Amino acid sequence: MLSEIDLKDWIEQPSVPLYDVPKETPIKTVNGLLWFSHIDGAYSLCYDAQGKPVHMRAWATVNPFKRKT
């Protein structure tokens, strides 16, 4: 969940379509930060900081985060 991570441990990546983002990844969108769970058909299941579900188009452009190694 988004509320359980520290973004200092992650690196923002270049923009990509949401369908190219790995499952269970934080993403930056035009509406703020979300936790991307998975693609479900033409839409996705994401969660905001309060844990509420957000359904984005699978082809939406987002900036995923990658965990620092």
N, C-alpha and C. Protein backbone atom coordinates (compact mmCIF):
# COMPACT_ATOMS: atom_id res chain seq x y z
N MET A 1 0.82 -1.19 0.00
CA MET A 1 0.00 0.00 0.00
C MET A 1 0.86 1.25 0.00
N LEU A 2 0.33 2.27 -0.58
CA LEU A 2 1.05 3.53 -0.73
C LEU A 2 1.40 4.14 0.62
N SER A 3 0.53 4.03 1.60
CA SER A 3 0.79 4.64 2.90
C SER A 3 1.90 3.93 3.67
N GLU A 4 2.30 2.75 3.22
CA GLU A 4 3.30 1.96 3.94
C GLU A 4 4.70 2.06 3.34
N ILE A 5 4.89 2.88 2.29
CA ILE A 5 6.21 2.95 1.66
C ILE A 5 6.84 4.31 1.91
N ASP A 6 8.15 4.37 1.80
CA ASP A 6 8.90 5.61 1.89
C ASP A 6 9.46 5.88 0.50
N LEU A 7 8.99 6.94 -0.15
CA LEU A 7 9.41 7.21 -1.53
C LEU A 7 10.90 7.52 -1.64
N LYS A 8 11.58 7.76 -0.52
CA LYS A 8 13.03 7.95 -0.57
C LYS A 8 13.74 6.66 -0.98
N ASP A 9 13.05 5.52 -0.84
CA ASP A 9 13.61 4.22 -1.21
C ASP A 9 13.32 3.87 -2.67
N TRP A 10 12.70 4.78 -3.40
CA TRP A 10 12.28 4.52 -4.78
C TRP A 10 12.81 5.61 -5.70
N ILE A 11 12.99 5.28 -6.98
CA ILE A 11 13.46 6.23 -8.00
C ILE A 11 12.36 6.37 -9.04
N GLU A 12 11.98 7.62 -9.33
CA GLU A 12 10.96 7.85 -10.34
C GLU A 12 11.52 7.53 -11.72
N GLN A 13 10.75 6.82 -12.52
CA GLN A 13 11.14 6.39 -13.86
C GLN A 13 10.44 7.26 -14.91
N PRO A 14 10.90 7.21 -16.16
CA PRO A 14 10.24 7.96 -17.25
C PRO A 14 8.80 7.49 -17.48
N SER A 15 8.04 8.31 -18.14
CA SER A 15 6.63 8.01 -18.44
C SER A 15 6.50 6.79 -19.34
N VAL A 16 5.51 5.94 -19.00
CA VAL A 16 5.18 4.76 -19.79
C VAL A 16 3.68 4.53 -19.69
N PRO A 17 3.11 3.73 -20.60
CA PRO A 17 1.70 3.35 -20.46
C PRO A 17 1.55 2.45 -19.22
N LEU A 18 0.44 2.57 -18.56
CA LEU A 18 0.21 1.81 -17.33
C LEU A 18 0.32 0.30 -17.56
N TYR A 19 -0.06 -0.19 -18.74
CA TYR A 19 0.03 -1.64 -18.98
C TYR A 19 1.47 -2.15 -19.01
N ASP A 20 2.47 -1.26 -19.09
CA ASP A 20 3.87 -1.66 -19.05
C ASP A 20 4.48 -1.61 -17.65
N VAL A 21 3.70 -1.21 -16.66
CA VAL A 21 4.20 -1.07 -15.28
C VAL A 21 4.05 -2.41 -14.56
N PRO A 22 5.09 -2.83 -13.82
CA PRO A 22 4.97 -4.08 -13.04
C PRO A 22 3.90 -3.96 -11.95
N LYS A 23 3.28 -5.08 -11.64
CA LYS A 23 2.28 -5.12 -10.56
C LYS A 23 2.91 -4.68 -9.25
N GLU A 24 2.07 -4.15 -8.37
CA GLU A 24 2.48 -3.74 -7.02
C GLU A 24 3.59 -2.70 -7.06
N THR A 25 3.34 -1.61 -7.80
CA THR A 25 4.31 -0.54 -7.98
C THR A 25 3.66 0.81 -7.69
N PRO A 26 4.35 1.70 -6.98
CA PRO A 26 3.82 3.06 -6.85
C PRO A 26 3.96 3.78 -8.18
N ILE A 27 2.98 4.62 -8.50
CA ILE A 27 3.01 5.38 -9.74
C ILE A 27 2.63 6.83 -9.47
N LYS A 28 3.17 7.71 -10.30
CA LYS A 28 2.82 9.13 -10.24
C LYS A 28 1.91 9.41 -11.43
N THR A 29 0.76 10.02 -11.16
CA THR A 29 -0.20 10.34 -12.21
C THR A 29 -0.48 11.84 -12.18
N VAL A 30 -1.26 12.33 -13.12
CA VAL A 30 -1.63 13.74 -13.11
C VAL A 30 -2.47 14.08 -11.87
N ASN A 31 -3.07 13.06 -11.24
CA ASN A 31 -3.90 13.26 -10.05
C ASN A 31 -3.16 12.97 -8.76
N GLY A 32 -1.86 12.67 -8.82
CA GLY A 32 -1.09 12.40 -7.62
C GLY A 32 -0.52 10.99 -7.61
N LEU A 33 -0.09 10.56 -6.42
CA LEU A 33 0.52 9.24 -6.28
C LEU A 33 -0.53 8.17 -6.03
N LEU A 34 -0.32 7.01 -6.66
CA LEU A 34 -1.21 5.87 -6.48
C LEU A 34 -0.36 4.62 -6.34
N TRP A 35 -0.96 3.58 -5.77
CA TRP A 35 -0.34 2.26 -5.71
C TRP A 35 -1.01 1.42 -6.77
N PHE A 36 -0.25 1.00 -7.80
CA PHE A 36 -0.79 0.20 -8.90
C PHE A 36 -0.81 -1.26 -8.47
N SER A 37 -1.99 -1.87 -8.52
CA SER A 37 -2.13 -3.27 -8.17
C SER A 37 -2.00 -4.15 -9.40
N HIS A 38 -2.92 -3.98 -10.37
CA HIS A 38 -2.89 -4.81 -11.58
C HIS A 38 -3.86 -4.28 -12.63
N ILE A 39 -3.70 -4.78 -13.86
CA ILE A 39 -4.61 -4.48 -14.98
C ILE A 39 -5.74 -5.49 -14.94
N ASP A 40 -6.95 -4.99 -15.16
CA ASP A 40 -8.13 -5.85 -15.19
C ASP A 40 -8.93 -5.48 -16.43
N GLY A 41 -8.57 -6.07 -17.57
CA GLY A 41 -9.23 -5.74 -18.82
C GLY A 41 -8.72 -4.42 -19.36
N ALA A 42 -9.63 -3.48 -19.66
CA ALA A 42 -9.25 -2.18 -20.20
C ALA A 42 -8.90 -1.18 -19.11
N TYR A 43 -9.10 -1.55 -17.86
CA TYR A 43 -8.84 -0.65 -16.74
C TYR A 43 -7.92 -1.32 -15.74
N SER A 44 -7.50 -0.54 -14.76
CA SER A 44 -6.58 -1.05 -13.75
C SER A 44 -7.19 -0.91 -12.37
N LEU A 45 -6.57 -1.56 -11.42
CA LEU A 45 -6.94 -1.37 -10.03
C LEU A 45 -5.75 -0.73 -9.34
N CYS A 46 -5.95 0.48 -8.85
CA CYS A 46 -4.94 1.23 -8.11
C CYS A 46 -5.57 1.67 -6.80
N TYR A 47 -4.74 2.11 -5.87
CA TYR A 47 -5.23 2.61 -4.59
C TYR A 47 -4.58 3.95 -4.29
N ASP A 48 -5.37 4.87 -3.72
CA ASP A 48 -4.81 6.14 -3.31
C ASP A 48 -4.23 6.02 -1.90
N ALA A 49 -3.74 7.13 -1.34
CA ALA A 49 -3.08 7.10 -0.03
C ALA A 49 -4.02 6.69 1.10
N GLN A 50 -5.32 6.86 0.90
CA GLN A 50 -6.30 6.45 1.91
C GLN A 50 -6.77 5.02 1.73
N GLY A 51 -6.25 4.33 0.72
CA GLY A 51 -6.62 2.95 0.46
C GLY A 51 -7.89 2.79 -0.36
N LYS A 52 -8.39 3.88 -0.92
CA LYS A 52 -9.59 3.82 -1.76
C LYS A 52 -9.21 3.37 -3.16
N PRO A 53 -10.02 2.50 -3.77
CA PRO A 53 -9.71 2.03 -5.13
C PRO A 53 -9.87 3.13 -6.17
N VAL A 54 -8.97 3.12 -7.14
CA VAL A 54 -9.01 4.05 -8.28
C VAL A 54 -8.84 3.19 -9.52
N HIS A 55 -9.73 3.37 -10.49
CA HIS A 55 -9.67 2.58 -11.73
C HIS A 55 -9.23 3.49 -12.86
N MET A 56 -7.99 3.29 -13.33
CA MET A 56 -7.45 4.09 -14.43
C MET A 56 -7.47 3.27 -15.71
N ARG A 57 -7.49 3.97 -16.85
CA ARG A 57 -7.38 3.29 -18.14
C ARG A 57 -6.04 2.58 -18.20
N ALA A 58 -6.01 1.41 -18.79
CA ALA A 58 -4.77 0.62 -18.88
C ALA A 58 -3.73 1.31 -19.75
N TRP A 59 -4.15 2.18 -20.64
CA TRP A 59 -3.23 2.87 -21.55
C TRP A 59 -2.85 4.27 -21.06
N ALA A 60 -3.27 4.65 -19.86
CA ALA A 60 -2.91 5.96 -19.30
C ALA A 60 -1.39 6.06 -19.13
N THR A 61 -0.86 7.26 -19.35
CA THR A 61 0.57 7.49 -19.19
C THR A 61 0.87 7.85 -17.74
N VAL A 62 1.80 7.13 -17.14
CA VAL A 62 2.17 7.33 -15.74
C VAL A 62 3.69 7.28 -15.58
N ASN A 63 4.16 7.71 -14.44
CA ASN A 63 5.58 7.58 -14.09
C ASN A 63 5.69 6.56 -12.97
N PRO A 64 6.18 5.36 -13.28
CA PRO A 64 6.34 4.36 -12.22
C PRO A 64 7.58 4.65 -11.37
N PHE A 65 7.63 4.06 -10.22
CA PHE A 65 8.81 4.15 -9.36
C PHE A 65 9.47 2.79 -9.31
N LYS A 66 10.79 2.79 -9.22
CA LYS A 66 11.57 1.55 -9.12
C LYS A 66 12.33 1.60 -7.81
N ARG A 67 12.32 0.49 -7.08
CA ARG A 67 12.99 0.43 -5.78
C ARG A 67 14.50 0.57 -5.98
N LYS A 68 15.14 1.40 -5.13
CA LYS A 68 16.58 1.53 -5.16
C LYS A 68 17.22 0.21 -4.75
N THR A 69 18.35 -0.11 -5.36
CA THR A 69 19.03 -1.36 -5.01
C THR A 69 20.25 -1.09 -4.17
